[in-house]
Amino acid sequence: MDDMKKLAAKAAVKLIKNRSILGLGSGSTVSFFIKYLIKRKKEGLDVRCVSSSKKSSYLAKKGGIKLLDIKNVKKIDIVVDGADEIDKDKNMIKGGGGALFKEKILIEFSKKVIIIVDETKLVDKLGRKKLPVEIIPFGAKFVFEKLKKERFKGIWRVCKKNNFITENGNFILDIFLNKLLDNPKKIHDKIKGIVGVVETGLFCDVNPKVIIGREEGGVDIW
């Protein structure tokens, strides 16, 4: 699977233009992208980045890539990110690494979005993976019960026997979707409308360029 991820990452790096400001997503495929981006930088590519996670920040900074504070950035040229699932309409489930809120901010305000995945992430309809939902800790129990009443059952993500805490200081509830999604946007809106929910891992209406690493070699581009 790593070989497919590397193929997608290499193809994405070739699309990065000089003097770009990049938004870095998170996840294993993005880690490969950062590795190849560092190589291009050493060959003379001038890029600066805004990162969605500590891990991506660490990898980029270690490789000599200049990181920017988002409050000092006037534009983001391209965001490069991965996905846990992506359907034929380019709707996605993301957030397996817990950085979904920051990823969504970068994507929302970027001129272009590139999603890099291996072919195992392609699905006809979303819903096989658990759906991450970021929730404010204050009153989280009530939000959990409200979601249950709306037939969204899930489990709190844990880390070392404690609640997993996002970089924003929030909890993650991983929801089991009881059926494949015909209308992901409708589900997103329903969950997001509950007070205490910060964001869902459903990414709809993004219309990214999708680069898919294939098992037989090479990539497909949607």
Foldseek 3Di string as FASTA:
>chain_A
DVVLLLQLLLVVLVPDAAPAEEEEEDDDSSLSNLVVNLVVVVVPGHYEYEYLDPVSVVSNVVSPHHYDDPVPDPAHAEYEEEAQAAAPQRKGFDQPVPSQLSSVVNLVGYPAYEYEEAPVRYDNFDAPFWKKWWFAPVCVVVLQVVCVVVVWHWAWDDDPNHFDAHPVRTTITTTHRPDTDPDLVVVQCVSCPDPGTPGIRIDPPSPHWYWYRYPVGHIDID
